[in-house]
Amino acid sequence: MGRKKTKYTREFKIEAVRQLESGEYSSADLARRLGVTHVNLIQWRKQVKEKKQEAFPGEGRKSGAAGEIARLQREVELLKEERDILKKAAAYFAKESK
């Protein structure tokens, strides 16, 4: 049976990294205190160092090209649904007029 993946907020992750960087606790102690894995802390610190303010964008806040692609994919799906509805309506009214 798999473990349930817990989602942490952006603010929680940033605060955890801040505490880790402060050196007040070792990474293992801090992980236990926060109830996260040591690996999580290390990964979060790496993301903050690499991406700075853009770290942890979340599922709803994709940046740059990835965000635009996601938006366009949603739009394509919506347009396909609308097209299918119009096709069904046209077929229905074509039967009615015979």
PDB file of N, CA and C in Angstrom:
ATOM      1  N   MET A   1       0.850  -1.175   0.000  1.00  0.00           N
ATOM      2  CA  MET A   1       0.000   0.000   0.000  1.00  0.00           C
ATOM      3  C   MET A   1       0.894   1.235   0.000  1.00  0.00           C
ATOM      4  N   GLY A   2       0.642   2.212  -0.923  1.00  0.00           N
ATOM      5  CA  GLY A   2       1.484   3.393  -1.061  1.00  0.00           C
ATOM      6  C   GLY A   2       1.211   4.433   0.004  1.00  0.00           C
ATOM      7  N   ARG A   3       2.189   5.268   0.174  1.00  0.00           N
ATOM      8  CA  ARG A   3       2.033   6.361   1.131  1.00  0.00           C
ATOM      9  C   ARG A   3       1.223   7.482   0.517  1.00  0.00           C
ATOM     10  N   LYS A   4       0.475   8.163   1.336  1.00  0.00           N
ATOM     11  CA  LYS A   4      -0.298   9.301   0.870  1.00  0.00           C
ATOM     12  C   LYS A   4       0.647  10.488   0.739  1.00  0.00           C
ATOM     13  N   LYS A   5       0.643  11.124  -0.418  1.00  0.00           N
ATOM     14  CA  LYS A   5       1.533  12.250  -0.649  1.00  0.00           C
ATOM     15  C   LYS A   5       0.908  13.507  -0.033  1.00  0.00           C
ATOM     16  N   THR A   6       1.642  14.105   0.897  1.00  0.00           N
ATOM     17  CA  THR A   6       1.167  15.307   1.558  1.00  0.00           C
ATOM     18  C   THR A   6       1.612  16.520   0.770  1.00  0.00           C
ATOM     19  N   LYS A   7       0.710  17.476   0.597  1.00  0.00           N
ATOM     20  CA  LYS A   7       1.050  18.712  -0.094  1.00  0.00           C
ATOM     21  C   LYS A   7       1.318  19.792   0.942  1.00  0.00           C
ATOM     22  N   TYR A   8       2.407  20.483   0.760  1.00  0.00           N
ATOM     23  CA  TYR A   8       2.776  21.572   1.654  1.00  0.00           C
ATOM     24  C   TYR A   8       2.648  22.885   0.899  1.00  0.00           C
ATOM     25  N   THR A   9       2.238  23.923   1.593  1.00  0.00           N
ATOM     26  CA  THR A   9       2.082  25.214   0.942  1.00  0.00           C
ATOM     27  C   THR A   9       3.442  25.813   0.618  1.00  0.00           C
ATOM     28  N   ARG A  10       3.415  26.737  -0.294  1.00  0.00           N
ATOM     29  CA  ARG A  10       4.641  27.448  -0.685  1.00  0.00           C
ATOM     30  C   ARG A  10       5.252  28.129   0.537  1.00  0.00           C
ATOM     31  N   GLU A  11       4.413  28.765   1.338  1.00  0.00           N
ATOM     32  CA  GLU A  11       4.884  29.483   2.514  1.00  0.00           C
ATOM     33  C   GLU A  11       5.556  28.538   3.513  1.00  0.00           C
ATOM     34  N   PHE A  12       4.979  27.363   3.693  1.00  0.00           N
ATOM     35  CA  PHE A  12       5.551  26.369   4.603  1.00  0.00           C
ATOM     36  C   PHE A  12       6.943  25.967   4.132  1.00  0.00           C
ATOM     37  N   LYS A  13       7.074  25.698   2.846  1.00  0.00           N
ATOM     38  CA  LYS A  13       8.361  25.277   2.306  1.00  0.00           C
ATOM     39  C   LYS A  13       9.415  26.371   2.452  1.00  0.00           C
ATOM     40  N   ILE A  14       9.035  27.595   2.153  1.00  0.00           N
ATOM     41  CA  ILE A  14       9.990  28.705   2.260  1.00  0.00           C
ATOM     42  C   ILE A  14      10.415  28.907   3.705  1.00  0.00           C
ATOM     43  N   GLU A  15       9.465  28.818   4.632  1.00  0.00           N
ATOM     44  CA  GLU A  15       9.799  28.960   6.049  1.00  0.00           C
ATOM     45  C   GLU A  15      10.696  27.810   6.514  1.00  0.00           C
ATOM     46  N   ALA A  16      10.440  26.606   6.044  1.00  0.00           N
ATOM     47  CA  ALA A  16      11.282  25.464   6.401  1.00  0.00           C
ATOM     48  C   ALA A  16      12.709  25.687   5.912  1.00  0.00           C
ATOM     49  N   VAL A  17      12.858  26.182   4.689  1.00  0.00           N
ATOM     50  CA  VAL A  17      14.192  26.460   4.143  1.00  0.00           C
ATOM     51  C   VAL A  17      14.863  27.573   4.938  1.00  0.00           C
ATOM     52  N   ARG A  18      14.100  28.603   5.320  1.00  0.00           N
ATOM     53  CA  ARG A  18      14.664  29.698   6.109  1.00  0.00           C
ATOM     54  C   ARG A  18      15.200  29.166   7.433  1.00  0.00           C
ATOM     55  N   GLN A  19      14.417  28.311   8.082  1.00  0.00           N
ATOM     56  CA  GLN A  19      14.860  27.734   9.347  1.00  0.00           C
ATOM     57  C   GLN A  19      16.080  26.845   9.160  1.00  0.00           C
ATOM     58  N   LEU A  20      16.110  26.101   8.062  1.00  0.00           N
ATOM     59  CA  LEU A  20      17.249  25.241   7.771  1.00  0.00           C
ATOM     60  C   LEU A  20      18.508  26.083   7.564  1.00  0.00           C
ATOM     61  N   GLU A  21      18.365  27.171   6.850  1.00  0.00           N
ATOM     62  CA  GLU A  21      19.499  28.048   6.566  1.00  0.00           C
ATOM     63  C   GLU A  21      19.974  28.789   7.820  1.00  0.00           C
ATOM     64  N   SER A  22      19.079  29.012   8.774  1.00  0.00           N
ATOM     65  CA  SER A  22      19.466  29.738   9.986  1.00  0.00           C
ATOM     66  C   SER A  22      20.473  28.947  10.818  1.00  0.00           C
ATOM     67  N   GLY A  23      20.490  27.625  10.647  1.00  0.00           N
ATOM     68  CA  GLY A  23      21.428  26.786  11.368  1.00  0.00           C
ATOM     69  C   GLY A  23      21.046  26.514  12.811  1.00  0.00           C
ATOM     70  N   GLU A  24      19.852  26.931  13.201  1.00  0.00           N
ATOM     71  CA  GLU A  24      19.402  26.718  14.579  1.00  0.00           C
ATOM     72  C   GLU A  24      19.255  25.228  14.887  1.00  0.00           C
ATOM     73  N   TYR A  25      18.808  24.469  13.893  1.00  0.00           N
ATOM     74  CA  TYR A  25      18.627  23.023  14.051  1.00  0.00           C
ATOM     75  C   TYR A  25      19.362  22.313  12.925  1.00  0.00           C
ATOM     76  N   SER A  26      19.762  21.084  13.180  1.00  0.00           N
ATOM     77  CA  SER A  26      20.319  20.284  12.089  1.00  0.00           C
ATOM     78  C   SER A  26      19.169  19.933  11.150  1.00  0.00           C
ATOM     79  N   SER A  27      19.504  19.536   9.932  1.00  0.00           N
ATOM     80  CA  SER A  27      18.440  19.227   8.971  1.00  0.00           C
ATOM     81  C   SER A  27      17.583  18.048   9.458  1.00  0.00           C
ATOM     82  N   ALA A  28      18.207  17.074  10.099  1.00  0.00           N
ATOM     83  CA  ALA A  28      17.442  15.926  10.612  1.00  0.00           C
ATOM     84  C   ALA A  28      16.495  16.355  11.733  1.00  0.00           C
ATOM     85  N   ASP A  29      16.999  17.198  12.657  1.00  0.00           N
ATOM     86  CA  ASP A  29      16.149  17.682  13.750  1.00  0.00           C
ATOM     87  C   ASP A  29      14.994  18.527  13.220  1.00  0.00           C
ATOM     88  N   LEU A  30      15.303  19.402  12.299  1.00  0.00           N
ATOM     89  CA  LEU A  30      14.262  20.268  11.744  1.00  0.00           C
ATOM     90  C   LEU A  30      13.208  19.429  11.016  1.00  0.00           C
ATOM     91  N   ALA A  31      13.646  18.429  10.280  1.00  0.00           N
ATOM     92  CA  ALA A  31      12.694  17.558   9.572  1.00  0.00           C
ATOM     93  C   ALA A  31      11.742  16.891  10.562  1.00  0.00           C
ATOM     94  N   ARG A  32      12.281  16.393  11.664  1.00  0.00           N
ATOM     95  CA  ARG A  32      11.422  15.765  12.682  1.00  0.00           C
ATOM     96  C   ARG A  32      10.460  16.779  13.283  1.00  0.00           C
ATOM     97  N   ARG A  33      10.963  17.969  13.588  1.00  0.00           N
ATOM     98  CA  ARG A  33      10.108  19.003  14.193  1.00  0.00           C
ATOM     99  C   ARG A  33       8.947  19.395  13.270  1.00  0.00           C
ATOM    100  N   LEU A  34       9.247  19.471  11.968  1.00  0.00           N
ATOM    101  CA  LEU A  34       8.228  19.904  11.010  1.00  0.00           C
ATOM    102  C   LEU A  34       7.359  18.755  10.502  1.00  0.00           C
ATOM    103  N   GLY A  35       7.791  17.525  10.754  1.00  0.00           N
ATOM    104  CA  GLY A  35       7.022  16.379  10.291  1.00  0.00           C
ATOM    105  C   GLY A  35       7.184  16.115   8.803  1.00  0.00           C
ATOM    106  N   VAL A  36       8.358  16.441   8.272  1.00  0.00           N
ATOM    107  CA  VAL A  36       8.649  16.183   6.867  1.00  0.00           C
ATOM    108  C   VAL A  36       9.881  15.290   6.791  1.00  0.00           C
ATOM    109  N   THR A  37      10.191  14.831   5.603  1.00  0.00           N
ATOM    110  CA  THR A  37      11.383  14.010   5.463  1.00  0.00           C
ATOM    111  C   THR A  37      12.612  14.895   5.262  1.00  0.00           C
ATOM    112  N   HIS A  38      13.741  14.343   5.604  1.00  0.00           N
ATOM    113  CA  HIS A  38      15.013  15.038   5.407  1.00  0.00           C
ATOM    114  C   HIS A  38      15.206  15.344   3.920  1.00  0.00           C
ATOM    115  N   VAL A  39      14.814  14.413   3.085  1.00  0.00           N
ATOM    116  CA  VAL A  39      14.942  14.586   1.631  1.00  0.00           C
ATOM    117  C   VAL A  39      14.118  15.784   1.162  1.00  0.00           C
ATOM    118  N   ASN A  40      12.906  15.953   1.720  1.00  0.00           N
ATOM    119  CA  ASN A  40      12.085  17.106   1.360  1.00  0.00           C
ATOM    120  C   ASN A  40      12.826  18.406   1.624  1.00  0.00           C
ATOM    121  N   LEU A  41      13.387  18.519   2.805  1.00  0.00           N
ATOM    122  CA  LEU A  41      14.100  19.751   3.161  1.00  0.00           C
ATOM    123  C   LEU A  41      15.239  20.046   2.187  1.00  0.00           C
ATOM    124  N   ILE A  42      16.009  19.049   1.863  1.00  0.00           N
ATOM    125  CA  ILE A  42      17.144  19.231   0.964  1.00  0.00           C
ATOM    126  C   ILE A  42      16.667  19.644  -0.429  1.00  0.00           C
ATOM    127  N   GLN A  43      15.588  18.997  -0.913  1.00  0.00           N
ATOM    128  CA  GLN A  43      15.044  19.344  -2.229  1.00  0.00           C
ATOM    129  C   GLN A  43      14.497  20.767  -2.230  1.00  0.00           C
ATOM    130  N   TRP A  44      13.803  21.138  -1.170  1.00  0.00           N
ATOM    131  CA  TRP A  44      13.250  22.493  -1.092  1.00  0.00           C
ATOM    132  C   TRP A  44      14.362  23.528  -1.080  1.00  0.00           C
ATOM    133  N   ARG A  45      15.427  23.258  -0.332  1.00  0.00           N
ATOM    134  CA  ARG A  45      16.545  24.199  -0.283  1.00  0.00           C
ATOM    135  C   ARG A  45      17.173  24.341  -1.669  1.00  0.00           C
ATOM    136  N   LYS A  46      17.313  23.245  -2.373  1.00  0.00           N
ATOM    137  CA  LYS A  46      17.885  23.276  -3.716  1.00  0.00           C
ATOM    138  C   LYS A  46      17.015  24.112  -4.653  1.00  0.00           C
ATOM    139  N   GLN A  47      15.691  23.931  -4.567  1.00  0.00           N
ATOM    140  CA  GLN A  47      14.783  24.697  -5.426  1.00  0.00           C
ATOM    141  C   GLN A  47      14.869  26.188  -5.137  1.00  0.00           C
ATOM    142  N   VAL A  48      14.938  26.541  -3.868  1.00  0.00           N
ATOM    143  CA  VAL A  48      15.020  27.961  -3.505  1.00  0.00           C
ATOM    144  C   VAL A  48      16.317  28.568  -4.029  1.00  0.00           C
ATOM    145  N   LYS A  49      17.412  27.836  -3.913  1.00  0.00           N
ATOM    146  CA  LYS A  49      18.703  28.347  -4.403  1.00  0.00           C
ATOM    147  C   LYS A  49      18.700  28.504  -5.915  1.00  0.00           C
ATOM    148  N   GLU A  50      18.088  27.569  -6.623  1.00  0.00           N
ATOM    149  CA  GLU A  50      18.090  27.603  -8.081  1.00  0.00           C
ATOM    150  C   GLU A  50      17.092  28.600  -8.657  1.00  0.00           C
ATOM    151  N   LYS A  51      15.892  28.650  -8.088  1.00  0.00           N
ATOM    152  CA  LYS A  51      14.807  29.425  -8.696  1.00  0.00           C
ATOM    153  C   LYS A  51      14.451  30.706  -7.954  1.00  0.00           C
ATOM    154  N   LYS A  52      14.989  30.896  -6.786  1.00  0.00           N
ATOM    155  CA  LYS A  52      14.733  32.080  -5.944  1.00  0.00           C
ATOM    156  C   LYS A  52      13.230  32.333  -5.785  1.00  0.00           C
ATOM    157  N   GLN A  53      12.726  33.448  -6.275  1.00  0.00           N
ATOM    158  CA  GLN A  53      11.321  33.835  -6.084  1.00  0.00           C
ATOM    159  C   GLN A  53      10.350  32.938  -6.860  1.00  0.00           C
ATOM    160  N   GLU A  54      10.830  32.246  -7.883  1.00  0.00           N
ATOM    161  CA  GLU A  54       9.948  31.401  -8.687  1.00  0.00           C
ATOM    162  C   GLU A  54       9.876  29.966  -8.168  1.00  0.00           C
ATOM    163  N   ALA A  55      10.490  29.710  -7.032  1.00  0.00           N
ATOM    164  CA  ALA A  55      10.441  28.366  -6.457  1.00  0.00           C
ATOM    165  C   ALA A  55       9.023  28.047  -5.997  1.00  0.00           C
ATOM    166  N   PHE A  56       8.639  26.819  -6.138  1.00  0.00           N
ATOM    167  CA  PHE A  56       7.329  26.311  -5.707  1.00  0.00           C
ATOM    168  C   PHE A  56       6.164  27.066  -6.349  1.00  0.00           C
ATOM    169  N   PRO A  57       6.070  27.054  -7.686  1.00  0.00           N
ATOM    170  CA  PRO A  57       4.987  27.805  -8.318  1.00  0.00           C
ATOM    171  C   PRO A  57       3.613  27.199  -8.075  1.00  0.00           C
ATOM    172  N   GLY A  58       3.542  25.951  -7.693  1.00  0.00           N
ATOM    173  CA  GLY A  58       2.243  25.329  -7.476  1.00  0.00           C
ATOM    174  C   GLY A  58       1.615  24.906  -8.779  1.00  0.00           C
ATOM    175  N   GLU A  59       0.526  24.170  -8.707  1.00  0.00           N
ATOM    176  CA  GLU A  59      -0.103  23.669  -9.911  1.00  0.00           C
ATOM    177  C   GLU A  59      -0.821  24.761 -10.686  1.00  0.00           C
ATOM    178  N   GLY A  60      -1.295  25.768 -10.007  1.00  0.00           N
ATOM    179  CA  GLY A  60      -2.043  26.816 -10.668  1.00  0.00           C
ATOM    180  C   GLY A  60      -1.217  27.972 -11.151  1.00  0.00           C
ATOM    181  N   ARG A  61       0.057  28.005 -10.850  1.00  0.00           N
ATOM    182  CA  ARG A  61       0.874  29.153 -11.204  1.00  0.00           C
ATOM    183  C   ARG A  61       2.105  28.730 -11.998  1.00  0.00           C
ATOM    184  N   LYS A  62       1.884  28.180 -13.170  1.00  0.00           N
ATOM    185  CA  LYS A  62       2.993  27.781 -14.018  1.00  0.00           C
ATOM    186  C   LYS A  62       3.573  29.038 -14.645  1.00  0.00           C
ATOM    187  N   SER A  63       4.872  29.040 -14.794  1.00  0.00           N
ATOM    188  CA  SER A  63       5.517  30.239 -15.294  1.00  0.00           C
ATOM    189  C   SER A  63       5.829  30.134 -16.774  1.00  0.00           C
ATOM    190  N   GLY A  64       5.911  31.263 -17.437  1.00  0.00           N
ATOM    191  CA  GLY A  64       6.380  31.359 -18.808  1.00  0.00           C
ATOM    192  C   GLY A  64       5.650  30.474 -19.790  1.00  0.00           C
ATOM    193  N   ALA A  65       6.448  29.783 -20.592  1.00  0.00           N
ATOM    194  CA  ALA A  65       5.920  28.963 -21.673  1.00  0.00           C
ATOM    195  C   ALA A  65       5.042  27.828 -21.151  1.00  0.00           C
ATOM    196  N   ALA A  66       5.403  27.242 -20.010  1.00  0.00           N
ATOM    197  CA  ALA A  66       4.604  26.138 -19.467  1.00  0.00           C
ATOM    198  C   ALA A  66       3.187  26.609 -19.136  1.00  0.00           C
ATOM    199  N   GLY A  67       3.064  27.798 -18.580  1.00  0.00           N
ATOM    200  CA  GLY A  67       1.748  28.351 -18.265  1.00  0.00           C
ATOM    201  C   GLY A  67       0.926  28.624 -19.509  1.00  0.00           C
ATOM    202  N   GLU A  68       1.592  29.155 -20.533  1.00  0.00           N
ATOM    203  CA  GLU A  68       0.905  29.449 -21.793  1.00  0.00           C
ATOM    204  C   GLU A  68       0.450  28.157 -22.471  1.00  0.00           C
ATOM    205  N   ILE A  69       1.292  27.146 -22.455  1.00  0.00           N
ATOM    206  CA  ILE A  69       0.918  25.858 -23.048  1.00  0.00           C
ATOM    207  C   ILE A  69      -0.272  25.261 -22.323  1.00  0.00           C
ATOM    208  N   ALA A  70      -0.268  25.290 -21.007  1.00  0.00           N
ATOM    209  CA  ALA A  70      -1.387  24.755 -20.226  1.00  0.00           C
ATOM    210  C   ALA A  70      -2.672  25.513 -20.530  1.00  0.00           C
ATOM    211  N   ARG A  71      -2.581  26.838 -20.638  1.00  0.00           N
ATOM    212  CA  ARG A  71      -3.759  27.654 -20.950  1.00  0.00           C
ATOM    213  C   ARG A  71      -4.303  27.308 -22.332  1.00  0.00           C
ATOM    214  N   LEU A  72      -3.410  27.171 -23.300  1.00  0.00           N
ATOM    215  CA  LEU A  72      -3.834  26.853 -24.659  1.00  0.00           C
ATOM    216  C   LEU A  72      -4.431  25.446 -24.745  1.00  0.00           C
ATOM    217  N   GLN A  73      -3.898  24.501 -23.993  1.00  0.00           N
ATOM    218  CA  GLN A  73      -4.459  23.153 -23.983  1.00  0.00           C
ATOM    219  C   GLN A  73      -5.874  23.157 -23.418  1.00  0.00           C
ATOM    220  N   ARG A  74      -6.110  23.940 -22.365  1.00  0.00           N
ATOM    221  CA  ARG A  74      -7.468  24.044 -21.811  1.00  0.00           C
ATOM    222  C   ARG A  74      -8.411  24.663 -22.845  1.00  0.00           C
ATOM    223  N   GLU A  75      -7.919  25.669 -23.559  1.00  0.00           N
ATOM    224  CA  GLU A  75      -8.745  26.331 -24.561  1.00  0.00           C
ATOM    225  C   GLU A  75      -9.091  25.376 -25.709  1.00  0.00           C
ATOM    226  N   VAL A  76      -8.128  24.569 -26.147  1.00  0.00           N
ATOM    227  CA  VAL A  76      -8.366  23.588 -27.213  1.00  0.00           C
ATOM    228  C   VAL A  76      -9.442  22.592 -26.776  1.00  0.00           C
ATOM    229  N   GLU A  77      -9.357  22.108 -25.547  1.00  0.00           N
ATOM    230  CA  GLU A  77     -10.357  21.159 -25.050  1.00  0.00           C
ATOM    231  C   GLU A  77     -11.749  21.781 -25.040  1.00  0.00           C
ATOM    232  N   LEU A  78     -11.832  23.029 -24.603  1.00  0.00           N
ATOM    233  CA  LEU A  78     -13.122  23.720 -24.578  1.00  0.00           C
ATOM    234  C   LEU A  78     -13.674  23.872 -25.995  1.00  0.00           C
ATOM    235  N   LEU A  79     -12.823  24.255 -26.926  1.00  0.00           N
ATOM    236  CA  LEU A  79     -13.269  24.429 -28.312  1.00  0.00           C
ATOM    237  C   LEU A  79     -13.718  23.103 -28.929  1.00  0.00           C
ATOM    238  N   LYS A  80     -13.033  22.007 -28.598  1.00  0.00           N
ATOM    239  CA  LYS A  80     -13.448  20.696 -29.095  1.00  0.00           C
ATOM    240  C   LYS A  80     -14.830  20.331 -28.564  1.00  0.00           C
ATOM    241  N   GLU A  81     -15.073  20.601 -27.281  1.00  0.00           N
ATOM    242  CA  GLU A  81     -16.388  20.315 -26.698  1.00  0.00           C
ATOM    243  C   GLU A  81     -17.470  21.133 -27.397  1.00  0.00           C
ATOM    244  N   GLU A  82     -17.194  22.420 -27.624  1.00  0.00           N
ATOM    245  CA  GLU A  82     -18.173  23.273 -28.297  1.00  0.00           C
ATOM    246  C   GLU A  82     -18.440  22.795 -29.715  1.00  0.00           C
ATOM    247  N   ARG A  83     -17.387  22.388 -30.433  1.00  0.00           N
ATOM    248  CA  ARG A  83     -17.531  21.874 -31.796  1.00  0.00           C
ATOM    249  C   ARG A  83     -18.414  20.632 -31.801  1.00  0.00           C
ATOM    250  N   ASP A  84     -18.174  19.719 -30.865  1.00  0.00           N
ATOM    251  CA  ASP A  84     -18.956  18.484 -30.809  1.00  0.00           C
ATOM    252  C   ASP A  84     -20.427  18.769 -30.533  1.00  0.00           C
ATOM    253  N   ILE A  85     -20.698  19.731 -29.667  1.00  0.00           N
ATOM    254  CA  ILE A  85     -22.080  20.103 -29.367  1.00  0.00           C
ATOM    255  C   ILE A  85     -22.759  20.664 -30.612  1.00  0.00           C
ATOM    256  N   LEU A  86     -22.035  21.509 -31.334  1.00  0.00           N
ATOM    257  CA  LEU A  86     -22.613  22.090 -32.556  1.00  0.00           C
ATOM    258  C   LEU A  86     -22.851  21.031 -33.631  1.00  0.00           C
ATOM    259  N   LYS A  87     -21.967  20.057 -33.735  1.00  0.00           N
ATOM    260  CA  LYS A  87     -22.168  18.964 -34.696  1.00  0.00           C
ATOM    261  C   LYS A  87     -23.447  18.198 -34.363  1.00  0.00           C
ATOM    262  N   LYS A  88     -23.643  17.883 -33.070  1.00  0.00           N
ATOM    263  CA  LYS A  88     -24.834  17.152 -32.653  1.00  0.00           C
ATOM    264  C   LYS A  88     -26.097  17.973 -32.897  1.00  0.00           C
ATOM    265  N   ALA A  89     -26.016  19.263 -32.634  1.00  0.00           N
ATOM    266  CA  ALA A  89     -27.175  20.130 -32.858  1.00  0.00           C
ATOM    267  C   ALA A  89     -27.501  20.211 -34.346  1.00  0.00           C
ATOM    268  N   ALA A  90     -26.485  20.323 -35.177  1.00  0.00           N
ATOM    269  CA  ALA A  90     -26.712  20.389 -36.625  1.00  0.00           C
ATOM    270  C   ALA A  90     -27.348  19.097 -37.126  1.00  0.00           C
ATOM    271  N   ALA A  91     -26.877  17.965 -36.642  1.00  0.00           N
ATOM    272  CA  ALA A  91     -27.450  16.679 -37.046  1.00  0.00           C
ATOM    273  C   ALA A  91     -28.903  16.577 -36.583  1.00  0.00           C
ATOM    274  N   TYR A  92     -29.190  17.039 -35.386  1.00  0.00           N
ATOM    275  CA  TYR A  92     -30.546  16.987 -34.842  1.00  0.00           C
ATOM    276  C   TYR A  92     -31.494  17.829 -35.686  1.00  0.00           C
ATOM    277  N   PHE A  93     -31.080  19.060 -36.008  1.00  0.00           N
ATOM    278  CA  PHE A  93     -31.955  19.937 -36.791  1.00  0.00           C
ATOM    279  C   PHE A  93     -32.059  19.494 -38.234  1.00  0.00           C
ATOM    280  N   ALA A  94     -31.062  18.806 -38.742  1.00  0.00           N
ATOM    281  CA  ALA A  94     -31.141  18.270 -40.113  1.00  0.00           C
ATOM    282  C   ALA A  94     -32.207  17.185 -40.171  1.00  0.00           C
ATOM    283  N   LYS A  95     -32.327  16.363 -39.122  1.00  0.00           N
ATOM    284  CA  LYS A  95     -33.373  15.327 -39.079  1.00  0.00           C
ATOM    285  C   LYS A  95     -34.745  15.965 -39.004  1.00  0.00           C
ATOM    286  N   GLU A  96     -34.863  17.026 -38.211  1.00  0.00           N
ATOM    287  CA  GLU A  96     -36.153  17.696 -37.995  1.00  0.00           C
ATOM    288  C   GLU A  96     -36.708  18.277 -39.302  1.00  0.00           C
ATOM    289  N   SER A  97     -35.839  18.793 -40.164  1.00  0.00           N
ATOM    290  CA  SER A  97     -36.309  19.481 -41.364  1.00  0.00           C
ATOM    291  C   SER A  97     -36.713  18.518 -42.477  1.00  0.00           C
ATOM    292  N   LYS A  98     -36.438  17.211 -42.341  1.00  0.00           N
ATOM    293  CA  LYS A  98     -36.807  16.242 -43.373  1.00  0.00           C
ATOM    294  C   LYS A  98     -38.244  15.859 -43.285  1.00  0.00           C
TER     295      LYS A  98
END
